[in-house]
C-alpha atoms as a PDB file:
ATOM      1  CA  MET A   1     168.507 206.121 219.219  1.00  0.00           C
ATOM      2  CA  SER A   2     166.268 208.822 220.622  1.00  0.00           C
ATOM      3  CA  ALA A   3     162.536 208.620 220.837  1.00  0.00           C
ATOM      4  CA  LEU A   4     160.882 210.037 217.747  1.00  0.00           C
ATOM      5  CA  PRO A   5     159.988 213.741 218.174  1.00  0.00           C
ATOM      6  CA  ALA A   6     156.364 214.886 218.270  1.00  0.00           C
ATOM      7  CA  HIS A   7     156.941 217.453 215.572  1.00  0.00           C
ATOM      8  CA  VAL A   8     159.478 218.273 212.785  1.00  0.00           C
ATOM      9  CA  GLU A   9     159.866 221.664 211.137  1.00  0.00           C
ATOM     10  CA  ILE A  10     160.247 221.560 207.387  1.00  0.00           C
ATOM     11  CA  ARG A  11     161.899 224.483 205.559  1.00  0.00           C
ATOM     12  CA  ASP A  12     161.044 224.696 201.894  1.00  0.00           C
ATOM     13  CA  VAL A  13     164.103 225.464 199.723  1.00  0.00           C
ATOM     14  CA  SER A  14     162.479 225.360 196.268  1.00  0.00           C
ATOM     15  CA  LEU A  15     163.069 229.031 195.434  1.00  0.00           C
ATOM     16  CA  ARG A  16     166.803 228.888 196.209  1.00  0.00           C
ATOM     17  CA  ASP A  17     168.311 225.455 196.171  1.00  0.00           C
ATOM     18  CA  GLY A  18     165.517 224.276 193.871  1.00  0.00           C
ATOM     19  CA  LEU A  19     165.963 226.902 191.229  1.00  0.00           C
ATOM     20  CA  GLN A  20     169.728 227.495 191.346  1.00  0.00           C
ATOM     21  CA  ILE A  21     170.491 224.736 188.850  1.00  0.00           C
ATOM     22  CA  GLU A  22     167.655 225.715 186.517  1.00  0.00           C
ATOM     23  CA  ASP A  23     167.555 228.112 183.638  1.00  0.00           C
ATOM     24  CA  PRO A  24     166.285 231.573 184.813  1.00  0.00           C
ATOM     25  CA  ILE A  25     162.503 231.886 185.043  1.00  0.00           C
ATOM     26  CA  PRO A  26     160.542 235.142 185.275  1.00  0.00           C
ATOM     27  CA  LEU A  27     159.848 236.753 188.671  1.00  0.00           C
ATOM     28  CA  SER A  28     156.151 236.313 188.028  1.00  0.00           C
ATOM     29  CA  ALA A  29     156.664 232.515 187.855  1.00  0.00           C
ATOM     30  CA  LYS A  30     158.633 232.610 191.067  1.00  0.00           C
ATOM     31  CA  LEU A  31     155.787 234.506 192.736  1.00  0.00           C
ATOM     32  CA  ASP A  32     153.336 231.870 191.525  1.00  0.00           C
ATOM     33  CA  MET A  33     155.598 229.230 193.078  1.00  0.00           C
ATOM     34  CA  LEU A  34     155.848 231.203 196.255  1.00  0.00           C
ATOM     35  CA  ALA A  35     152.070 231.509 196.620  1.00  0.00           C
ATOM     36  CA  ALA A  36     151.557 227.809 195.970  1.00  0.00           C
ATOM     37  CA  ILE A  37     154.201 226.801 198.481  1.00  0.00           C
ATOM     38  CA  ALA A  38     152.829 229.241 201.057  1.00  0.00           C
ATOM     39  CA  ALA A  39     149.442 227.608 200.709  1.00  0.00           C
ATOM     40  CA  THR A  40     150.959 224.357 202.088  1.00  0.00           C
ATOM     41  CA  GLY A  41     151.212 225.870 205.528  1.00  0.00           C
ATOM     42  CA  VAL A  42     154.992 225.727 205.667  1.00  0.00           C
ATOM     43  CA  LYS A  43     156.398 228.111 208.269  1.00  0.00           C
ATOM     44  CA  GLU A  44     159.906 228.578 206.903  1.00  0.00           C
ATOM     45  CA  MET A  45     161.197 229.176 203.396  1.00  0.00           C
ATOM     46  CA  GLU A  46     164.567 229.761 201.886  1.00  0.00           C
ATOM     47  CA  ALA A  47     163.621 232.534 199.455  1.00  0.00           C
ATOM     48  CA  THR A  48     166.729 233.141 197.362  1.00  0.00           C
ATOM     49  CA  ALA A  49     170.542 233.717 197.504  1.00  0.00           C
ATOM     50  CA  PHE A  50     172.523 236.872 197.415  1.00  0.00           C
ATOM     51  CA  VAL A  51     175.460 235.546 195.353  1.00  0.00           C
ATOM     52  CA  SER A  52     177.129 236.462 192.100  1.00  0.00           C
ATOM     53  CA  PRO A  53     174.569 236.709 189.299  1.00  0.00           C
ATOM     54  CA  SER A  54     177.174 235.532 186.862  1.00  0.00           C
ATOM     55  CA  LYS A  55     177.674 232.246 188.786  1.00  0.00           C
ATOM     56  CA  VAL A  56     173.987 231.623 189.593  1.00  0.00           C
ATOM     57  CA  PRO A  57     171.966 233.527 186.999  1.00  0.00           C
ATOM     58  CA  ALA A  58     168.737 231.882 188.066  1.00  0.00           C
ATOM     59  CA  LEU A  59     168.834 233.889 191.311  1.00  0.00           C
ATOM     60  CA  ALA A  60     169.919 237.267 189.816  1.00  0.00           C
ATOM     61  CA  ASP A  61     166.601 238.807 190.828  1.00  0.00           C
ATOM     62  CA  ALA A  62     167.121 238.218 194.565  1.00  0.00           C
ATOM     63  CA  ALA A  63     166.407 241.739 195.633  1.00  0.00           C
ATOM     64  CA  ASP A  64     163.267 241.960 193.484  1.00  0.00           C
ATOM     65  CA  LEU A  65     161.916 238.761 194.972  1.00  0.00           C
ATOM     66  CA  ALA A  66     162.806 239.926 198.506  1.00  0.00           C
ATOM     67  CA  ALA A  67     160.655 242.980 197.950  1.00  0.00           C
ATOM     68  CA  GLU A  68     157.595 240.767 197.601  1.00  0.00           C
ATOM     69  CA  LEU A  69     158.081 238.638 200.730  1.00  0.00           C
ATOM     70  CA  HIS A  70     156.140 241.050 202.943  1.00  0.00           C
ATOM     71  CA  ASN A  71     153.000 239.690 201.318  1.00  0.00           C
ATOM     72  CA  PHE A  72     153.481 236.478 203.268  1.00  0.00           C
ATOM     73  CA  PRO A  73     153.752 237.595 206.897  1.00  0.00           C
ATOM     74  CA  ASP A  74     153.203 234.156 208.436  1.00  0.00           C
ATOM     75  CA  ILE A  75     156.364 232.681 206.905  1.00  0.00           C
ATOM     76  CA  GLU A  76     159.920 233.150 208.193  1.00  0.00           C
ATOM     77  CA  PHE A  77     162.040 233.776 205.161  1.00  0.00           C
ATOM     78  CA  SER A  78     165.784 233.369 204.867  1.00  0.00           C
ATOM     79  CA  ALA A  79     168.407 233.830 202.149  1.00  0.00           C
ATOM     80  CA  LEU A  80     171.730 232.116 201.505  1.00  0.00           C
ATOM     81  CA  VAL A  81     174.890 234.195 201.341  1.00  0.00           C
ATOM     82  CA  ALA A  82     178.466 233.217 200.508  1.00  0.00           C
ATOM     83  CA  SER A  83     180.360 236.312 201.608  1.00  0.00           C
ATOM     84  CA  PRO A  84     180.189 239.319 203.846  1.00  0.00           C
ATOM     85  CA  ASN A  85     179.044 241.400 200.920  1.00  0.00           C
ATOM     86  CA  GLY A  86     176.263 238.936 200.230  1.00  0.00           C
ATOM     87  CA  ALA A  87     175.238 239.248 203.846  1.00  0.00           C
ATOM     88  CA  LYS A  88     175.050 243.017 203.562  1.00  0.00           C
ATOM     89  CA  ARG A  89     172.930 242.804 200.386  1.00  0.00           C
ATOM     90  CA  ALA A  90     170.531 240.371 201.946  1.00  0.00           C
ATOM     91  CA  ILE A  91     170.054 242.536 205.013  1.00  0.00           C
ATOM     92  CA  ALA A  92     169.621 245.706 202.887  1.00  0.00           C
ATOM     93  CA  ALA A  93     166.906 243.817 200.911  1.00  0.00           C
ATOM     94  CA  GLY A  94     165.014 243.209 204.186  1.00  0.00           C
ATOM     95  CA  LEU A  95     165.870 239.638 205.085  1.00  0.00           C
ATOM     96  CA  ARG A  96     165.851 238.965 208.872  1.00  0.00           C
ATOM     97  CA  SER A  97     167.524 235.587 208.608  1.00  0.00           C
ATOM     98  CA  ILE A  98     170.575 234.628 206.528  1.00  0.00           C
ATOM     99  CA  GLU A  99     172.379 231.341 205.919  1.00  0.00           C
ATOM    100  CA  TYR A 100     176.087 231.202 205.393  1.00  0.00           C
ATOM    101  CA  VAL A 101     177.237 228.121 203.615  1.00  0.00           C
ATOM    102  CA  VAL A 102     180.715 226.663 204.328  1.00  0.00           C
ATOM    103  CA  SER A 103     181.841 223.519 202.572  1.00  0.00           C
ATOM    104  CA  ALA A 104     183.808 221.085 204.657  1.00  0.00           C
ATOM    105  CA  ALA A 105     185.784 220.005 201.618  1.00  0.00           C
ATOM    106  CA  ASP A 106     188.343 222.125 199.809  1.00  0.00           C
ATOM    107  CA  GLY A 107     187.488 220.889 196.298  1.00  0.00           C
ATOM    108  CA  HIS A 108     183.858 221.824 196.575  1.00  0.00           C
ATOM    109  CA  SER A 109     184.568 225.087 198.445  1.00  0.00           C
ATOM    110  CA  ARG A 110     186.839 226.273 195.716  1.00  0.00           C
ATOM    111  CA  SER A 111     184.358 225.273 193.058  1.00  0.00           C
ATOM    112  CA  ASN A 112     181.478 226.913 194.944  1.00  0.00           C
ATOM    113  CA  VAL A 113     182.976 230.143 196.364  1.00  0.00           C
ATOM    114  CA  GLY A 114     186.595 230.255 195.136  1.00  0.00           C
ATOM    115  CA  ARG A 115     188.105 229.774 198.613  1.00  0.00           C
ATOM    116  CA  SER A 116     189.396 226.893 200.668  1.00  0.00           C
ATOM    117  CA  SER A 117     187.249 225.539 203.447  1.00  0.00           C
ATOM    118  CA  ALA A 118     189.530 227.170 206.051  1.00  0.00           C
ATOM    119  CA  GLU A 119     189.224 230.567 204.277  1.00  0.00           C
ATOM    120  CA  ALA A 120     185.470 230.290 204.138  1.00  0.00           C
ATOM    121  CA  THR A 121     185.360 229.287 207.766  1.00  0.00           C
ATOM    122  CA  ALA A 122     187.526 232.320 208.702  1.00  0.00           C
ATOM    123  CA  GLN A 123     184.728 234.588 207.418  1.00  0.00           C
ATOM    124  CA  ILE A 124     182.173 233.315 209.928  1.00  0.00           C
ATOM    125  CA  PRO A 125     182.980 235.945 212.645  1.00  0.00           C
ATOM    126  CA  GLU A 126     182.511 238.859 210.173  1.00  0.00           C
ATOM    127  CA  ILE A 127     179.231 237.492 208.787  1.00  0.00           C
ATOM    128  CA  VAL A 128     177.791 236.821 212.218  1.00  0.00           C
ATOM    129  CA  ALA A 129     178.795 240.368 213.283  1.00  0.00           C
ATOM    130  CA  ILE A 130     177.215 241.895 210.212  1.00  0.00           C
ATOM    131  CA  ALA A 131     173.942 240.003 210.916  1.00  0.00           C
ATOM    132  CA  HIS A 132     173.790 240.547 214.633  1.00  0.00           C
ATOM    133  CA  ASP A 133     174.610 244.240 214.336  1.00  0.00           C
ATOM    134  CA  SER A 134     171.365 244.511 212.248  1.00  0.00           C
ATOM    135  CA  GLY A 135     169.320 242.281 214.507  1.00  0.00           C
ATOM    136  CA  VAL A 136     169.378 239.468 211.912  1.00  0.00           C
ATOM    137  CA  THR A 137     169.852 235.783 212.742  1.00  0.00           C
ATOM    138  CA  VAL A 138     172.452 233.711 211.005  1.00  0.00           C
ATOM    139  CA  GLU A 139     172.696 230.013 210.300  1.00  0.00           C
ATOM    140  CA  VAL A 140     175.918 228.245 209.212  1.00  0.00           C
ATOM    141  CA  ILE A 141     175.166 225.411 206.765  1.00  0.00           C
ATOM    142  CA  ILE A 142     177.994 222.915 206.407  1.00  0.00           C
ATOM    143  CA  ALA A 143     178.020 221.644 202.840  1.00  0.00           C
ATOM    144  CA  THR A 144     179.615 218.332 201.669  1.00  0.00           C
ATOM    145  CA  ALA A 145     179.351 217.170 205.307  1.00  0.00           C
ATOM    146  CA  TRP A 146     179.708 213.567 204.233  1.00  0.00           C
ATOM    147  CA  ASP A 147     181.278 213.480 200.778  1.00  0.00           C
ATOM    148  CA  CYS A 148     182.754 215.842 198.145  1.00  0.00           C
ATOM    149  CA  PRO A 149     182.591 215.180 194.369  1.00  0.00           C
ATOM    150  CA  PHE A 150     186.175 216.274 194.066  1.00  0.00           C
ATOM    151  CA  ASP A 151     187.832 215.168 197.315  1.00  0.00           C
ATOM    152  CA  GLY A 152     185.914 211.996 198.230  1.00  0.00           C
ATOM    153  CA  PRO A 153     184.731 211.191 201.764  1.00  0.00           C
ATOM    154  CA  THR A 154     184.838 214.160 204.098  1.00  0.00           C
ATOM    155  CA  PRO A 155     186.678 213.517 207.424  1.00  0.00           C
ATOM    156  CA  PRO A 156     184.266 214.221 210.339  1.00  0.00           C
ATOM    157  CA  GLN A 157     186.849 216.414 211.985  1.00  0.00           C
ATOM    158  CA  ARG A 158     186.562 218.909 209.151  1.00  0.00           C
ATOM    159  CA  VAL A 159     182.798 219.265 209.992  1.00  0.00           C
ATOM    160  CA  LEU A 160     183.579 219.526 213.670  1.00  0.00           C
ATOM    161  CA  ASP A 161     186.163 222.286 213.034  1.00  0.00           C
ATOM    162  CA  ILE A 162     183.437 224.355 211.293  1.00  0.00           C
ATOM    163  CA  VAL A 163     180.957 223.570 214.074  1.00  0.00           C
ATOM    164  CA  ALA A 164     183.442 224.835 216.604  1.00  0.00           C
ATOM    165  CA  ALA A 165     184.121 228.056 214.704  1.00  0.00           C
ATOM    166  CA  ALA A 166     180.361 228.694 214.322  1.00  0.00           C
ATOM    167  CA  CYS A 167     179.619 228.066 217.987  1.00  0.00           C
ATOM    168  CA  ASP A 168     182.573 230.153 219.194  1.00  0.00           C
ATOM    169  CA  ASN A 169     181.237 233.098 217.184  1.00  0.00           C
ATOM    170  CA  GLY A 170     177.631 232.980 218.378  1.00  0.00           C
ATOM    171  CA  VAL A 171     175.874 231.529 215.378  1.00  0.00           C
ATOM    172  CA  ASP A 172     172.116 231.146 215.895  1.00  0.00           C
ATOM    173  CA  ARG A 173     171.560 227.865 214.061  1.00  0.00           C
ATOM    174  CA  LEU A 174     173.527 225.119 212.361  1.00  0.00           C
ATOM    175  CA  ALA A 175     172.762 222.563 209.604  1.00  0.00           C
ATOM    176  CA  ILE A 176     174.651 219.721 208.007  1.00  0.00           C
ATOM    177  CA  ALA A 177     174.125 219.130 204.294  1.00  0.00           C
ATOM    178  CA  ASP A 178     174.538 216.122 202.065  1.00  0.00           C
ATOM    179  CA  THR A 179     175.285 218.212 199.009  1.00  0.00           C
ATOM    180  CA  ILE A 180     175.634 215.371 196.466  1.00  0.00           C
ATOM    181  CA  GLY A 181     173.236 212.840 197.920  1.00  0.00           C
ATOM    182  CA  THR A 182     175.674 210.125 198.904  1.00  0.00           C
ATOM    183  CA  THR A 183     175.154 209.568 202.581  1.00  0.00           C
ATOM    184  CA  THR A 184     173.187 206.700 204.218  1.00  0.00           C
ATOM    185  CA  PRO A 185     171.360 206.365 207.522  1.00  0.00           C
ATOM    186  CA  ARG A 186     174.238 204.852 209.368  1.00  0.00           C
ATOM    187  CA  ARG A 187     176.599 207.669 208.370  1.00  0.00           C
ATOM    188  CA  VAL A 188     173.974 210.237 209.278  1.00  0.00           C
ATOM    189  CA  SER A 189     173.553 208.786 212.767  1.00  0.00           C
ATOM    190  CA  ASP A 190     177.305 208.669 213.293  1.00  0.00           C
ATOM    191  CA  LEU A 191     177.866 212.335 212.303  1.00  0.00           C
ATOM    192  CA  VAL A 192     174.890 213.673 214.250  1.00  0.00           C
ATOM    193  CA  ALA A 193     176.195 211.787 217.316  1.00  0.00           C
ATOM    194  CA  LEU A 194     179.500 213.621 216.980  1.00  0.00           C
ATOM    195  CA  VAL A 195     178.015 217.083 216.357  1.00  0.00           C
ATOM    196  CA  ARG A 196     175.207 217.325 218.871  1.00  0.00           C
ATOM    197  CA  PRO A 197     177.339 217.179 222.055  1.00  0.00           C
ATOM    198  CA  ARG A 198     179.394 220.105 220.789  1.00  0.00           C
ATOM    199  CA  ILE A 199     176.672 222.631 220.020  1.00  0.00           C
ATOM    200  CA  GLY A 200     174.810 223.082 223.305  1.00  0.00           C
ATOM    201  CA  ASP A 201     171.339 224.583 222.769  1.00  0.00           C
ATOM    202  CA  ILE A 202     172.032 225.718 219.203  1.00  0.00           C
ATOM    203  CA  PRO A 203     169.361 224.203 216.890  1.00  0.00           C
ATOM    204  CA  LEU A 204     170.725 221.673 214.425  1.00  0.00           C
ATOM    205  CA  GLY A 205     169.073 221.048 211.049  1.00  0.00           C
ATOM    206  CA  ALA A 206     169.850 218.803 208.099  1.00  0.00           C
ATOM    207  CA  HIS A 207     169.582 218.992 204.340  1.00  0.00           C
ATOM    208  CA  PHE A 208     169.547 215.917 202.100  1.00  0.00           C
ATOM    209  CA  HIS A 209     169.500 215.223 198.360  1.00  0.00           C
ATOM    210  CA  ASN A 210     167.900 212.110 196.988  1.00  0.00           C
ATOM    211  CA  THR A 211     170.497 211.699 194.219  1.00  0.00           C
ATOM    212  CA  ARG A 212     171.129 208.056 194.978  1.00  0.00           C
ATOM    213  CA  GLY A 213     167.751 207.163 196.467  1.00  0.00           C
ATOM    214  CA  ALA A 214     168.749 207.357 200.160  1.00  0.00           C
ATOM    215  CA  GLY A 215     167.626 210.885 200.962  1.00  0.00           C
ATOM    216  CA  LEU A 216     164.373 210.055 202.691  1.00  0.00           C
ATOM    217  CA  ALA A 217     165.960 207.196 204.652  1.00  0.00           C
ATOM    218  CA  SER A 218     168.775 209.542 205.717  1.00  0.00           C
ATOM    219  CA  ALA A 219     166.251 212.210 206.756  1.00  0.00           C
ATOM    220  CA  TYR A 220     164.407 209.693 208.893  1.00  0.00           C
ATOM    221  CA  ALA A 221     167.750 208.598 210.451  1.00  0.00           C
ATOM    222  CA  ALA A 222     168.403 212.290 211.294  1.00  0.00           C
ATOM    223  CA  VAL A 223     165.000 212.535 212.981  1.00  0.00           C
ATOM    224  CA  GLU A 224     165.688 209.320 214.930  1.00  0.00           C
ATOM    225  CA  ALA A 225     168.985 210.953 216.037  1.00  0.00           C
ATOM    226  CA  GLY A 226     167.101 213.936 217.368  1.00  0.00           C
ATOM    227  CA  ILE A 227     167.095 216.473 214.530  1.00  0.00           C
ATOM    228  CA  THR A 228     163.784 218.296 214.267  1.00  0.00           C
ATOM    229  CA  ARG A 229     164.544 220.725 211.344  1.00  0.00           C
ATOM    230  CA  LEU A 230     164.714 219.373 207.799  1.00  0.00           C
ATOM    231  CA  ASP A 231     164.997 221.083 204.407  1.00  0.00           C
ATOM    232  CA  ALA A 232     162.985 219.907 201.376  1.00  0.00           C
ATOM    233  CA  SER A 233     161.732 221.253 198.073  1.00  0.00           C
ATOM    234  CA  VAL A 234     158.323 220.673 196.459  1.00  0.00           C
ATOM    235  CA  GLY A 235     158.596 218.140 193.700  1.00  0.00           C
ATOM    236  CA  GLY A 236     162.218 217.326 194.643  1.00  0.00           C
ATOM    237  CA  LEU A 237     163.410 220.274 192.591  1.00  0.00           C
ATOM    238  CA  GLY A 238     167.053 221.199 192.821  1.00  0.00           C
ATOM    239  CA  GLY A 239     170.697 220.370 192.790  1.00  0.00           C
ATOM    240  CA  CYS A 240     174.127 221.985 193.168  1.00  0.00           C
ATOM    241  CA  PRO A 241     175.535 223.611 190.032  1.00  0.00           C
ATOM    242  CA  PHE A 242     179.058 223.408 191.569  1.00  0.00           C
ATOM    243  CA  ALA A 243     178.978 219.693 192.433  1.00  0.00           C
ATOM    244  CA  PRO A 244     178.972 217.366 189.379  1.00  0.00           C
ATOM    245  CA  GLY A 245     176.219 214.793 189.587  1.00  0.00           C
ATOM    246  CA  ALA A 246     174.296 216.413 192.398  1.00  0.00           C
ATOM    247  CA  SER A 247     170.601 216.553 191.761  1.00  0.00           C
ATOM    248  CA  GLY A 248     167.272 216.329 193.506  1.00  0.00           C
ATOM    249  CA  ASN A 249     166.462 217.603 197.026  1.00  0.00           C
ATOM    250  CA  ILE A 250     164.194 215.309 198.957  1.00  0.00           C
ATOM    251  CA  ALA A 251     160.640 216.192 197.920  1.00  0.00           C
ATOM    252  CA  MET A 252     158.561 218.005 200.550  1.00  0.00           C
ATOM    253  CA  GLU A 253     155.521 215.914 199.807  1.00  0.00           C
ATOM    254  CA  ASP A 254     157.405 212.635 200.082  1.00  0.00           C
ATOM    255  CA  LEU A 255     158.942 213.744 203.348  1.00  0.00           C
ATOM    256  CA  VAL A 256     155.523 214.849 204.732  1.00  0.00           C
ATOM    257  CA  TYR A 257     154.054 211.511 203.739  1.00  0.00           C
ATOM    258  CA  LEU A 258     156.817 209.634 205.575  1.00  0.00           C
ATOM    259  CA  LEU A 259     156.739 211.716 208.723  1.00  0.00           C
ATOM    260  CA  ARG A 260     152.984 211.932 208.987  1.00  0.00           C
ATOM    261  CA  ASP A 261     152.540 208.159 208.734  1.00  0.00           C
ATOM    262  CA  SER A 262     155.263 207.729 211.352  1.00  0.00           C
ATOM    263  CA  GLY A 263     153.185 209.669 213.849  1.00  0.00           C
ATOM    264  CA  ILE A 264     155.333 212.875 213.638  1.00  0.00           C
ATOM    265  CA  GLY A 265     153.558 216.205 213.356  1.00  0.00           C
ATOM    266  CA  VAL A 266     154.337 218.601 210.506  1.00  0.00           C
ATOM    267  CA  ASP A 267     152.880 221.981 209.550  1.00  0.00           C
ATOM    268  CA  VAL A 268     152.576 221.114 205.859  1.00  0.00           C
ATOM    269  CA  ASP A 269     149.351 219.917 204.257  1.00  0.00           C
ATOM    270  CA  LEU A 270     150.150 217.048 201.956  1.00  0.00           C
ATOM    271  CA  GLN A 271     147.571 217.673 199.280  1.00  0.00           C
ATOM    272  CA  ALA A 272     148.557 221.376 199.039  1.00  0.00           C
ATOM    273  CA  ALA A 273     152.197 220.240 198.761  1.00  0.00           C
ATOM    274  CA  ILE A 274     151.323 217.967 195.803  1.00  0.00           C
ATOM    275  CA  ALA A 275     149.433 220.841 194.222  1.00  0.00           C
ATOM    276  CA  ALA A 276     152.410 223.104 194.711  1.00  0.00           C
ATOM    277  CA  ALA A 277     154.700 220.549 193.080  1.00  0.00           C
ATOM    278  CA  ARG A 278     152.485 220.730 189.999  1.00  0.00           C
ATOM    279  CA  VAL A 279     152.817 224.507 189.924  1.00  0.00           C
ATOM    280  CA  VAL A 280     156.578 224.267 190.235  1.00  0.00           C
ATOM    281  CA  GLN A 281     156.759 221.576 187.533  1.00  0.00           C
ATOM    282  CA  ASN A 282     154.852 223.859 185.192  1.00  0.00           C
ATOM    283  CA  ALA A 283     157.143 226.825 186.030  1.00  0.00           C
ATOM    284  CA  VAL A 284     160.399 224.991 185.228  1.00  0.00           C
ATOM    285  CA  GLY A 285     158.961 223.141 182.246  1.00  0.00           C
ATOM    286  CA  HIS A 286     160.109 219.609 182.959  1.00  0.00           C
ATOM    287  CA  ASP A 287     159.169 216.587 185.084  1.00  0.00           C
ATOM    288  CA  LEU A 288     160.185 216.483 188.744  1.00  0.00           C
ATOM    289  CA  PRO A 289     161.386 213.388 190.613  1.00  0.00           C
ATOM    290  CA  SER A 290     158.762 213.442 193.453  1.00  0.00           C
ATOM    291  CA  SER A 291     157.136 210.022 194.056  1.00  0.00           C
ATOM    292  CA  LEU A 292     153.956 211.512 195.467  1.00  0.00           C
ATOM    293  CA  LEU A 293     153.620 213.778 192.434  1.00  0.00           C
ATOM    294  CA  ARG A 294     153.416 210.568 190.319  1.00  0.00           C
ATOM    295  CA  ALA A 295     151.548 208.231 192.647  1.00  0.00           C
ATOM    296  CA  GLY A 296     149.490 210.538 194.881  1.00  0.00           C
ATOM    297  CA  ASP A 297     148.537 210.014 198.518  1.00  0.00           C
ATOM    298  CA  ARG A 298     146.701 207.009 199.905  1.00  0.00           C
ATOM    299  CA  ILE A 299     143.479 207.018 201.875  1.00  0.00           C
ATOM    300  CA  LEU A 300     144.212 206.522 205.583  1.00  0.00           C
ATOM    301  CA  ASP A 301     142.102 204.246 207.654  1.00  0.00           C
END
């Protein structure tokens, strides 16, 4: 176990991963969400995804939303893509950072993007070239890094094969994702221990869902293992529409509460995050799973 880091970066994913499973909401509501989340002090946000509107109708307005991001110059925005064409669309819309998602499991990969894991991995060189030719950074996110709803447990070697392809092609960042919220702290520590020696100085992040109640514990285990970049959504909004049973990102405010009280610095103001969760809850029109949204903060001595 490594010593706990002094600071952890949190990337808010409410506008992409959070909304992708929801019914479409107006652009004006998304901009209200964006403003509320920006007020938390978060430095990174996943703004949208440039994917097929027919598959993810909630994100069909990706270019329109991207056109508004210049109003928040203090935030580094990124967008998820699933193909070279998606990368080109994101860059044309003005994004300076893209994320390419590759599932380590064939079942989820075919459900998500219509290709096998190996076929999706084979597109990494082209997507990196498209991004770097335009001065854009690219992150490879490895989905179903622990389990797949169709194939069961993911062999670690499948994750390592994608890691190798990403590193060999000059990716700027990497992340491992628990797409269906099944992993546990021990399994997180084991996988991070396998991945980190293979990536050199490439930053490694992690993305967890709280579907089975272990998301925060898994995030803490990742931090203990040396990861200093975590994804979260305000209110715990989100889920994967291509993975049956997947729901609920870890809530930003719950994560901030945990890290702050563990002596780990974060850029996010907790009260502002709780307020943003209320804005998001109003935008989507249903209750969100955040614990802090229900219980509130406590007064520190």
